[in-house]
Amino acid sequence: MIDRTEWNQEQFNALLPIISVDLIEMIAVKQNVSEEEAIIKLYASGLYADLEQEDTKVWHYSTHMLYSLFEQEQKTGVIEYPGV
């Protein structure tokens, strides 16, 4: 029998790099910055701190929703997660 916690962690470990790349590309395009600058912005954000923790389930959000939350944090300094 598969341990649900183990399965979620494996799924998370596989998806986080993909989510991060998609989000970095979106930041670069929408904010007209280099990918390097987009990486720096994302990794310095509170959103990314939450995103890299599997138990927050932030990684379940779409790239568009994550970008919207990223923008919100940049503008207001606060992230209000939907449904929380």
Protein backbone atom coordinates (compact mmCIF):
# COMPACT_ATOMS: atom_id res chain seq x y z
CA MET A 1 0.00 0.00 0.00
CA ILE A 2 1.28 3.49 -0.91
CA ASP A 3 1.72 5.96 1.92
CA ARG A 4 -0.28 9.04 0.88
CA THR A 5 2.26 11.40 2.51
CA GLU A 6 5.12 9.79 0.60
CA TRP A 7 3.16 9.97 -2.66
CA ASN A 8 2.40 13.69 -2.16
CA GLN A 9 6.06 14.42 -1.40
CA GLU A 10 7.19 12.57 -4.52
CA GLN A 11 4.61 14.38 -6.64
CA PHE A 12 5.68 17.69 -5.12
CA ASN A 13 9.39 17.00 -5.74
CA ALA A 14 8.63 16.25 -9.39
CA LEU A 15 6.36 19.26 -9.95
CA LEU A 16 8.14 22.09 -8.10
CA PRO A 17 10.85 22.58 -10.77
CA ILE A 18 8.23 22.59 -13.54
CA ILE A 19 6.02 25.07 -11.70
CA SER A 20 9.02 27.28 -10.95
CA VAL A 21 10.18 27.37 -14.59
CA ASP A 22 6.68 28.21 -15.84
CA LEU A 23 6.31 30.96 -13.24
CA ILE A 24 9.76 32.39 -13.99
CA GLU A 25 8.91 32.53 -17.70
CA MET A 26 5.63 34.29 -16.94
CA ILE A 27 7.33 36.84 -14.67
CA ALA A 28 9.97 37.54 -17.32
CA VAL A 29 7.40 38.08 -20.07
CA LYS A 30 4.79 40.03 -18.10
CA GLN A 31 7.30 42.25 -16.32
CA ASN A 32 9.63 42.54 -19.31
CA VAL A 33 12.69 41.43 -17.36
CA SER A 34 15.40 38.86 -18.04
CA GLU A 35 14.92 35.31 -16.84
CA GLU A 36 17.78 35.89 -14.39
CA GLU A 37 15.98 38.88 -12.88
CA ALA A 38 12.72 36.91 -12.80
CA ILE A 39 14.49 34.12 -10.90
CA ILE A 40 15.87 36.60 -8.37
CA LYS A 41 12.44 38.20 -7.88
CA LEU A 42 10.68 34.87 -7.46
CA TYR A 43 13.22 33.32 -5.11
CA ALA A 44 13.19 36.45 -2.91
CA SER A 45 9.41 36.39 -2.57
CA GLY A 46 7.26 35.14 0.26
CA LEU A 47 5.23 33.31 -2.36
CA TYR A 48 8.23 31.15 -3.26
CA ALA A 49 8.93 30.49 0.43
CA ASP A 50 5.39 29.13 0.70
CA LEU A 51 5.55 27.39 -2.68
CA GLU A 52 8.60 25.34 -1.76
CA GLN A 53 6.85 23.87 1.28
CA GLU A 54 4.73 20.90 0.22
CA ASP A 55 2.37 21.14 3.18
CA THR A 56 1.13 24.64 2.19
CA LYS A 57 -0.39 23.14 -0.98
CA VAL A 58 0.36 26.41 -2.81
CA TRP A 59 1.84 24.25 -5.56
CA HIS A 60 -1.70 23.15 -6.44
CA TYR A 61 -2.47 26.61 -7.89
CA SER A 62 -2.20 27.27 -11.62
CA THR A 63 0.70 29.30 -13.00
CA HIS A 64 -1.70 32.17 -13.68
CA MET A 65 -2.95 32.14 -10.09
CA LEU A 66 0.61 31.97 -8.75
CA TYR A 67 1.58 34.93 -10.92
CA SER A 68 -1.44 36.88 -9.67
CA LEU A 69 -0.40 36.15 -6.07
CA PHE A 70 3.19 37.13 -6.92
CA GLU A 71 1.98 40.46 -8.32
CA GLN A 72 -0.22 41.01 -5.28
CA GLU A 73 2.75 40.46 -2.98
CA GLN A 74 4.90 42.86 -5.01
CA LYS A 75 2.24 45.60 -4.91
CA THR A 76 0.99 45.22 -1.33
CA GLY A 77 3.60 43.19 0.51
CA VAL A 78 0.86 40.74 1.48
CA ILE A 79 -0.39 37.52 -0.07
CA GLU A 80 -4.05 36.60 0.41
CA TYR A 81 -4.48 32.99 -0.65
CA PRO A 82 -7.87 32.09 -2.12
CA GLY A 83 -10.03 29.97 0.13
CA VAL A 84 -7.87 30.54 3.20
